[in-house]
Amino acid sequence: ARFPKRDELYLHLVRYHRSLGHADEARRYALLRQFNNPASPGPRIDLLHTYRSTDETAAAQRELTTFFVDFSADPPALILLAWFAVDTVQPALTARLTSLAHERSYPLNAFNLARVQANLAAQHYQVALDLALTALRYLGNRTDQLDYA
């Protein structure tokens, strides 16, 4: 396609401005992206990234609470949130997501992996190792049971 869809264009603009440290522009395009696609989790993740990068803790917490209300029944959206938690080094958030996934009987592999990676990023190496070993024991060391989706 010669011209990207509007959402794709906003996505690239958000990431571009965020990478340059232009927080106001990144926020503007993140809000436009959310306005144009309110039922999609991706724009909400962009807003969370923007709020984190500008230390808008209260706004980030409000958005996170709303995200859980709107997307707790959407495993792919929760996986996006888990990768946001990895990117922003939030092992507690990955633990919360893994617990929610377990309660709702969602496939756990992506959540477990995100939890291990968030703990590695936080330099909680023993916790990450223990989590990985627990996940492998749960699978009975059978990698054919892994969900690679």
N, C-alpha and C. Protein backbone atom coordinates (compact mmCIF):
# COMPACT_ATOMS: atom_id res chain seq x y z
N ALA A 1 0.85 -1.19 0.00
CA ALA A 1 0.00 0.00 0.00
C ALA A 1 0.88 1.24 0.00
N ARG A 2 0.50 2.18 -0.83
CA ARG A 2 1.30 3.40 -0.94
C ARG A 2 1.17 4.27 0.31
N PHE A 3 -0.02 4.36 0.87
CA PHE A 3 -0.24 5.16 2.07
C PHE A 3 -0.71 4.24 3.19
N PRO A 4 -0.09 4.35 4.35
CA PRO A 4 -0.52 3.48 5.46
C PRO A 4 -1.89 3.90 5.97
N LYS A 5 -2.56 2.96 6.58
CA LYS A 5 -3.84 3.29 7.21
C LYS A 5 -3.58 4.32 8.30
N ARG A 6 -4.59 5.07 8.65
CA ARG A 6 -4.44 6.14 9.63
C ARG A 6 -3.85 5.61 10.94
N ASP A 7 -4.36 4.47 11.43
CA ASP A 7 -3.85 3.92 12.69
C ASP A 7 -2.37 3.61 12.58
N GLU A 8 -1.97 3.04 11.48
CA GLU A 8 -0.55 2.71 11.28
C GLU A 8 0.30 3.98 11.24
N LEU A 9 -0.20 5.01 10.61
CA LEU A 9 0.52 6.28 10.55
C LEU A 9 0.68 6.87 11.95
N TYR A 10 -0.41 6.89 12.73
CA TYR A 10 -0.34 7.40 14.09
C TYR A 10 0.61 6.57 14.94
N LEU A 11 0.59 5.26 14.76
CA LEU A 11 1.49 4.38 15.50
C LEU A 11 2.94 4.78 15.26
N HIS A 12 3.30 4.98 14.00
CA HIS A 12 4.67 5.36 13.67
C HIS A 12 5.01 6.76 14.19
N LEU A 13 4.06 7.67 14.12
CA LEU A 13 4.30 9.02 14.63
C LEU A 13 4.50 9.02 16.15
N VAL A 14 3.70 8.22 16.86
CA VAL A 14 3.86 8.12 18.31
C VAL A 14 5.25 7.61 18.64
N ARG A 15 5.64 6.52 18.01
CA ARG A 15 6.95 5.92 18.31
C ARG A 15 8.09 6.85 17.90
N TYR A 16 7.95 7.53 16.78
CA TYR A 16 8.98 8.45 16.32
C TYR A 16 9.18 9.58 17.33
N HIS A 17 8.09 10.23 17.71
CA HIS A 17 8.20 11.35 18.64
C HIS A 17 8.65 10.90 20.03
N ARG A 18 8.20 9.72 20.45
CA ARG A 18 8.65 9.21 21.74
C ARG A 18 10.15 8.94 21.71
N SER A 19 10.65 8.40 20.60
CA SER A 19 12.09 8.10 20.50
C SER A 19 12.93 9.37 20.50
N LEU A 20 12.36 10.48 20.03
CA LEU A 20 13.07 11.76 20.02
C LEU A 20 12.90 12.53 21.33
N GLY A 21 12.05 12.00 22.22
CA GLY A 21 11.81 12.69 23.48
C GLY A 21 10.80 13.81 23.38
N HIS A 22 10.02 13.83 22.31
CA HIS A 22 8.98 14.85 22.13
C HIS A 22 7.69 14.35 22.76
N ALA A 23 7.61 14.45 24.07
CA ALA A 23 6.50 13.86 24.82
C ALA A 23 5.14 14.44 24.43
N ASP A 24 5.06 15.75 24.24
CA ASP A 24 3.77 16.36 23.91
C ASP A 24 3.26 15.87 22.56
N GLU A 25 4.15 15.79 21.58
CA GLU A 25 3.74 15.29 20.26
C GLU A 25 3.37 13.81 20.32
N ALA A 26 4.14 13.04 21.06
CA ALA A 26 3.83 11.61 21.21
C ALA A 26 2.46 11.44 21.85
N ARG A 27 2.18 12.21 22.90
CA ARG A 27 0.89 12.14 23.57
C ARG A 27 -0.23 12.53 22.61
N ARG A 28 0.00 13.58 21.85
CA ARG A 28 -1.02 14.06 20.90
C ARG A 28 -1.40 12.97 19.92
N TYR A 29 -0.40 12.33 19.32
CA TYR A 29 -0.69 11.28 18.34
C TYR A 29 -1.25 10.02 19.00
N ALA A 30 -0.83 9.74 20.22
CA ALA A 30 -1.39 8.59 20.94
C ALA A 30 -2.88 8.83 21.22
N LEU A 31 -3.22 10.05 21.62
CA LEU A 31 -4.63 10.36 21.86
C LEU A 31 -5.44 10.33 20.57
N LEU A 32 -4.87 10.84 19.48
CA LEU A 32 -5.57 10.75 18.19
C LEU A 32 -5.77 9.31 17.77
N ARG A 33 -4.75 8.50 17.99
CA ARG A 33 -4.86 7.08 17.64
C ARG A 33 -5.96 6.42 18.47
N GLN A 34 -6.02 6.73 19.75
CA GLN A 34 -7.07 6.16 20.59
C GLN A 34 -8.44 6.68 20.18
N PHE A 35 -8.55 7.95 19.87
CA PHE A 35 -9.82 8.54 19.45
C PHE A 35 -10.35 7.85 18.20
N ASN A 36 -9.46 7.55 17.26
CA ASN A 36 -9.87 6.92 16.01
C ASN A 36 -10.11 5.42 16.13
N ASN A 37 -9.65 4.82 17.21
CA ASN A 37 -9.76 3.38 17.37
C ASN A 37 -9.98 3.05 18.85
N PRO A 38 -11.10 3.50 19.44
CA PRO A 38 -11.28 3.39 20.89
C PRO A 38 -11.40 1.97 21.42
N ALA A 39 -11.79 1.03 20.58
CA ALA A 39 -11.97 -0.35 21.05
C ALA A 39 -10.71 -1.19 20.91
N SER A 40 -9.63 -0.58 20.47
CA SER A 40 -8.38 -1.32 20.25
C SER A 40 -7.43 -1.11 21.43
N PRO A 41 -6.76 -2.19 21.87
CA PRO A 41 -5.83 -2.04 23.00
C PRO A 41 -4.52 -1.35 22.63
N GLY A 42 -4.11 -1.41 21.37
CA GLY A 42 -2.83 -0.83 20.95
C GLY A 42 -2.68 0.64 21.28
N PRO A 43 -3.67 1.47 20.95
CA PRO A 43 -3.55 2.89 21.29
C PRO A 43 -3.45 3.13 22.80
N ARG A 44 -4.10 2.29 23.58
CA ARG A 44 -4.03 2.44 25.03
C ARG A 44 -2.63 2.13 25.53
N ILE A 45 -1.98 1.14 24.92
CA ILE A 45 -0.60 0.81 25.28
C ILE A 45 0.31 1.99 24.94
N ASP A 46 0.07 2.62 23.78
CA ASP A 46 0.84 3.82 23.42
C ASP A 46 0.68 4.91 24.48
N LEU A 47 -0.54 5.11 24.94
CA LEU A 47 -0.76 6.12 25.98
C LEU A 47 -0.02 5.75 27.26
N LEU A 48 -0.06 4.49 27.63
CA LEU A 48 0.67 4.06 28.83
C LEU A 48 2.16 4.33 28.69
N HIS A 49 2.72 4.01 27.53
CA HIS A 49 4.14 4.30 27.29
C HIS A 49 4.42 5.80 27.42
N THR A 50 3.54 6.60 26.84
CA THR A 50 3.73 8.05 26.87
C THR A 50 3.65 8.58 28.30
N TYR A 51 2.66 8.12 29.05
CA TYR A 51 2.53 8.56 30.44
C TYR A 51 3.74 8.14 31.27
N ARG A 52 4.24 6.94 31.03
CA ARG A 52 5.43 6.47 31.77
C ARG A 52 6.65 7.33 31.43
N SER A 53 6.80 7.65 30.15
CA SER A 53 8.00 8.40 29.74
C SER A 53 7.98 9.84 30.23
N THR A 54 6.80 10.35 30.59
CA THR A 54 6.70 11.73 31.08
C THR A 54 6.39 11.77 32.58
N ASP A 55 6.53 10.63 33.25
CA ASP A 55 6.30 10.53 34.69
C ASP A 55 4.92 11.02 35.12
N GLU A 56 3.92 10.80 34.27
CA GLU A 56 2.54 11.13 34.62
C GLU A 56 1.93 9.92 35.32
N THR A 57 2.33 9.72 36.56
CA THR A 57 1.97 8.52 37.31
C THR A 57 0.47 8.38 37.49
N ALA A 58 -0.21 9.45 37.86
CA ALA A 58 -1.66 9.38 38.09
C ALA A 58 -2.40 9.04 36.80
N ALA A 59 -2.01 9.67 35.70
CA ALA A 59 -2.65 9.38 34.41
C ALA A 59 -2.37 7.95 33.98
N ALA A 60 -1.16 7.48 34.20
CA ALA A 60 -0.81 6.10 33.85
C ALA A 60 -1.63 5.12 34.68
N GLN A 61 -1.80 5.40 35.96
CA GLN A 61 -2.58 4.50 36.82
C GLN A 61 -4.05 4.48 36.40
N ARG A 62 -4.60 5.64 36.07
CA ARG A 62 -6.00 5.69 35.59
C ARG A 62 -6.15 4.88 34.31
N GLU A 63 -5.22 5.06 33.38
CA GLU A 63 -5.29 4.34 32.11
C GLU A 63 -5.14 2.84 32.32
N LEU A 64 -4.26 2.45 33.23
CA LEU A 64 -4.07 1.03 33.52
C LEU A 64 -5.34 0.43 34.12
N THR A 65 -5.96 1.14 35.05
CA THR A 65 -7.21 0.66 35.65
C THR A 65 -8.29 0.50 34.59
N THR A 66 -8.41 1.50 33.72
CA THR A 66 -9.40 1.44 32.64
C THR A 66 -9.09 0.30 31.68
N PHE A 67 -7.80 0.08 31.40
CA PHE A 67 -7.40 -1.00 30.51
C PHE A 67 -7.88 -2.34 31.07
N PHE A 68 -7.68 -2.57 32.36
CA PHE A 68 -8.13 -3.82 32.97
C PHE A 68 -9.65 -3.97 32.88
N VAL A 69 -10.38 -2.89 33.09
CA VAL A 69 -11.84 -2.94 32.99
C VAL A 69 -12.26 -3.29 31.56
N ASP A 70 -11.65 -2.64 30.59
CA ASP A 70 -12.06 -2.80 29.20
C ASP A 70 -11.56 -4.08 28.54
N PHE A 71 -10.41 -4.60 28.97
CA PHE A 71 -9.78 -5.69 28.22
C PHE A 71 -9.46 -6.94 29.04
N SER A 72 -10.00 -7.07 30.25
CA SER A 72 -9.65 -8.24 31.06
C SER A 72 -10.17 -9.54 30.46
N ALA A 73 -11.13 -9.47 29.55
CA ALA A 73 -11.64 -10.67 28.88
C ALA A 73 -11.02 -10.86 27.50
N ASP A 74 -9.93 -10.16 27.22
CA ASP A 74 -9.28 -10.20 25.91
C ASP A 74 -7.82 -10.63 26.07
N PRO A 75 -7.55 -11.95 26.01
CA PRO A 75 -6.17 -12.42 26.24
C PRO A 75 -5.11 -11.74 25.36
N PRO A 76 -5.34 -11.55 24.05
CA PRO A 76 -4.29 -10.86 23.26
C PRO A 76 -4.01 -9.44 23.76
N ALA A 77 -5.03 -8.74 24.21
CA ALA A 77 -4.82 -7.39 24.76
C ALA A 77 -4.01 -7.46 26.05
N LEU A 78 -4.29 -8.45 26.87
CA LEU A 78 -3.53 -8.61 28.11
C LEU A 78 -2.08 -8.98 27.83
N ILE A 79 -1.86 -9.74 26.77
CA ILE A 79 -0.48 -10.07 26.39
C ILE A 79 0.25 -8.80 25.94
N LEU A 80 -0.44 -7.93 25.19
CA LEU A 80 0.17 -6.62 24.84
C LEU A 80 0.56 -5.85 26.09
N LEU A 81 -0.32 -5.87 27.08
CA LEU A 81 -0.02 -5.18 28.33
C LEU A 81 1.16 -5.83 29.05
N ALA A 82 1.25 -7.15 28.96
CA ALA A 82 2.39 -7.85 29.58
C ALA A 82 3.70 -7.43 28.92
N TRP A 83 3.71 -7.28 27.61
CA TRP A 83 4.95 -6.85 26.92
C TRP A 83 5.26 -5.39 27.23
N PHE A 84 4.22 -4.57 27.44
CA PHE A 84 4.45 -3.21 27.93
C PHE A 84 5.14 -3.27 29.30
N ALA A 85 4.68 -4.17 30.16
CA ALA A 85 5.27 -4.32 31.49
C ALA A 85 6.73 -4.76 31.40
N VAL A 86 7.05 -5.60 30.42
CA VAL A 86 8.45 -6.00 30.21
C VAL A 86 9.26 -4.79 29.77
N ASP A 87 8.74 -4.06 28.77
CA ASP A 87 9.45 -2.89 28.24
C ASP A 87 9.72 -1.83 29.31
N THR A 88 8.82 -1.72 30.26
CA THR A 88 8.94 -0.68 31.28
C THR A 88 9.38 -1.25 32.64
N VAL A 89 9.85 -2.48 32.63
CA VAL A 89 10.43 -3.15 33.80
C VAL A 89 9.46 -3.11 34.99
N GLN A 90 8.32 -3.75 34.82
CA GLN A 90 7.31 -3.81 35.87
C GLN A 90 6.95 -5.26 36.19
N PRO A 91 7.82 -5.97 36.91
CA PRO A 91 7.52 -7.37 37.21
C PRO A 91 6.22 -7.56 38.00
N ALA A 92 5.86 -6.61 38.84
CA ALA A 92 4.61 -6.74 39.61
C ALA A 92 3.40 -6.76 38.68
N LEU A 93 3.44 -5.96 37.62
CA LEU A 93 2.34 -5.95 36.66
C LEU A 93 2.27 -7.28 35.92
N THR A 94 3.42 -7.86 35.55
CA THR A 94 3.38 -9.16 34.88
C THR A 94 2.86 -10.24 35.83
N ALA A 95 3.16 -10.13 37.11
CA ALA A 95 2.63 -11.09 38.09
C ALA A 95 1.11 -10.97 38.17
N ARG A 96 0.63 -9.73 38.19
CA ARG A 96 -0.83 -9.51 38.23
C ARG A 96 -1.50 -10.08 36.98
N LEU A 97 -0.89 -9.87 35.82
CA LEU A 97 -1.45 -10.39 34.57
C LEU A 97 -1.42 -11.91 34.53
N THR A 98 -0.34 -12.50 35.01
CA THR A 98 -0.24 -13.97 35.04
C THR A 98 -1.30 -14.55 35.96
N SER A 99 -1.52 -13.91 37.09
CA SER A 99 -2.55 -14.36 38.03
C SER A 99 -3.94 -14.27 37.40
N LEU A 100 -4.22 -13.17 36.73
CA LEU A 100 -5.51 -13.00 36.05
C LEU A 100 -5.69 -14.06 34.96
N ALA A 101 -4.64 -14.29 34.19
CA ALA A 101 -4.70 -15.31 33.13
C ALA A 101 -4.97 -16.69 33.72
N HIS A 102 -4.32 -16.98 34.83
CA HIS A 102 -4.54 -18.28 35.49
C HIS A 102 -5.98 -18.40 35.99
N GLU A 103 -6.50 -17.34 36.62
CA GLU A 103 -7.87 -17.35 37.13
C GLU A 103 -8.88 -17.58 36.01
N ARG A 104 -8.60 -17.03 34.84
CA ARG A 104 -9.55 -17.11 33.72
C ARG A 104 -9.24 -18.25 32.75
N SER A 105 -8.26 -19.07 33.12
CA SER A 105 -7.87 -20.24 32.31
C SER A 105 -7.40 -19.85 30.91
N TYR A 106 -6.73 -18.70 30.79
CA TYR A 106 -6.11 -18.32 29.52
C TYR A 106 -4.80 -19.09 29.38
N PRO A 107 -4.34 -19.34 28.16
CA PRO A 107 -3.02 -19.97 27.99
C PRO A 107 -1.95 -19.11 28.68
N LEU A 108 -1.10 -19.76 29.46
CA LEU A 108 -0.18 -19.03 30.33
C LEU A 108 1.20 -18.78 29.75
N ASN A 109 1.57 -19.43 28.65
CA ASN A 109 2.96 -19.37 28.19
C ASN A 109 3.46 -17.95 27.97
N ALA A 110 2.71 -17.13 27.25
CA ALA A 110 3.17 -15.76 26.98
C ALA A 110 3.26 -14.95 28.27
N PHE A 111 2.32 -15.15 29.17
CA PHE A 111 2.33 -14.42 30.44
C PHE A 111 3.53 -14.85 31.29
N ASN A 112 3.78 -16.16 31.33
CA ASN A 112 4.94 -16.65 32.09
C ASN A 112 6.24 -16.12 31.51
N LEU A 113 6.35 -16.13 30.19
CA LEU A 113 7.56 -15.62 29.55
C LEU A 113 7.75 -14.13 29.85
N ALA A 114 6.68 -13.36 29.76
CA ALA A 114 6.77 -11.93 30.07
C ALA A 114 7.19 -11.73 31.53
N ARG A 115 6.65 -12.56 32.41
CA ARG A 115 7.00 -12.43 33.83
C ARG A 115 8.48 -12.72 34.06
N VAL A 116 8.99 -13.76 33.41
CA VAL A 116 10.42 -14.07 33.52
C VAL A 116 11.24 -12.90 32.97
N GLN A 117 10.87 -12.40 31.79
CA GLN A 117 11.64 -11.32 31.17
C GLN A 117 11.59 -10.03 31.98
N ALA A 118 10.45 -9.71 32.57
CA ALA A 118 10.36 -8.50 33.39
C ALA A 118 11.26 -8.61 34.62
N ASN A 119 11.32 -9.80 35.20
CA ASN A 119 12.20 -10.00 36.35
C ASN A 119 13.66 -9.95 35.94
N LEU A 120 13.99 -10.46 34.77
CA LEU A 120 15.36 -10.33 34.27
C LEU A 120 15.72 -8.86 34.06
N ALA A 121 14.80 -8.11 33.46
CA ALA A 121 15.04 -6.68 33.22
C ALA A 121 15.22 -5.92 34.53
N ALA A 122 14.52 -6.37 35.58
CA ALA A 122 14.64 -5.74 36.90
C ALA A 122 15.83 -6.27 37.68
N GLN A 123 16.60 -7.14 37.07
CA GLN A 123 17.78 -7.78 37.67
C GLN A 123 17.41 -8.64 38.88
N HIS A 124 16.23 -9.22 38.84
CA HIS A 124 15.79 -10.19 39.84
C HIS A 124 16.06 -11.58 39.26
N TYR A 125 17.32 -11.91 39.17
CA TYR A 125 17.73 -13.11 38.44
C TYR A 125 17.24 -14.40 39.09
N GLN A 126 17.30 -14.49 40.40
CA GLN A 126 16.86 -15.72 41.06
C GLN A 126 15.36 -15.92 40.89
N VAL A 127 14.61 -14.83 41.00
CA VAL A 127 13.15 -14.91 40.81
C VAL A 127 12.85 -15.38 39.39
N ALA A 128 13.55 -14.81 38.40
CA ALA A 128 13.34 -15.20 37.00
C ALA A 128 13.66 -16.68 36.80
N LEU A 129 14.76 -17.13 37.37
CA LEU A 129 15.14 -18.54 37.25
C LEU A 129 14.09 -19.43 37.91
N ASP A 130 13.64 -19.07 39.09
CA ASP A 130 12.62 -19.86 39.79
C ASP A 130 11.32 -19.93 38.99
N LEU A 131 10.92 -18.80 38.41
CA LEU A 131 9.70 -18.79 37.59
C LEU A 131 9.85 -19.67 36.36
N ALA A 132 11.00 -19.59 35.71
CA ALA A 132 11.23 -20.42 34.52
C ALA A 132 11.23 -21.90 34.88
N LEU A 133 11.87 -22.25 35.98
CA LEU A 133 11.90 -23.66 36.41
C LEU A 133 10.50 -24.15 36.78
N THR A 134 9.73 -23.32 37.44
CA THR A 134 8.36 -23.69 37.80
C THR A 134 7.53 -23.92 36.54
N ALA A 135 7.67 -23.04 35.56
CA ALA A 135 6.92 -23.21 34.30
C ALA A 135 7.32 -24.51 33.61
N LEU A 136 8.60 -24.81 33.60
CA LEU A 136 9.06 -26.06 32.97
C LEU A 136 8.57 -27.28 33.74
N ARG A 137 8.57 -27.22 35.05
CA ARG A 137 8.05 -28.34 35.85
C ARG A 137 6.57 -28.54 35.57
N TYR A 138 5.84 -27.43 35.44
CA TYR A 138 4.41 -27.49 35.14
C TYR A 138 4.18 -28.22 33.82
N LEU A 139 5.07 -27.99 32.87
CA LEU A 139 4.96 -28.65 31.57
C LEU A 139 5.54 -30.06 31.59
N GLY A 140 6.18 -30.42 32.69
CA GLY A 140 6.82 -31.73 32.74
C GLY A 140 8.00 -31.82 31.80
N ASN A 141 8.67 -30.67 31.57
CA ASN A 141 9.82 -30.59 30.65
C ASN A 141 9.48 -31.01 29.24
N ARG A 142 8.22 -30.93 28.86
CA ARG A 142 7.80 -31.30 27.51
C ARG A 142 7.61 -30.03 26.70
N THR A 143 8.57 -29.69 25.89
CA THR A 143 8.47 -28.46 25.11
C THR A 143 7.42 -28.55 24.03
N ASP A 144 6.96 -29.77 23.70
CA ASP A 144 5.90 -29.88 22.71
C ASP A 144 4.57 -29.33 23.26
N GLN A 145 4.51 -29.09 24.57
CA GLN A 145 3.32 -28.53 25.20
C GLN A 145 3.31 -27.00 25.14
N LEU A 146 4.42 -26.41 24.73
CA LEU A 146 4.50 -24.95 24.70
C LEU A 146 3.59 -24.39 23.62
N ASP A 147 2.98 -23.29 23.94
CA ASP A 147 2.12 -22.59 22.99
C ASP A 147 2.97 -21.48 22.37
N TYR A 148 3.28 -21.59 21.10
CA TYR A 148 4.18 -20.63 20.45
C TYR A 148 3.42 -19.50 19.76
N ALA A 149 2.17 -19.32 20.06
CA ALA A 149 1.37 -18.28 19.40
C ALA A 149 1.87 -16.90 19.68
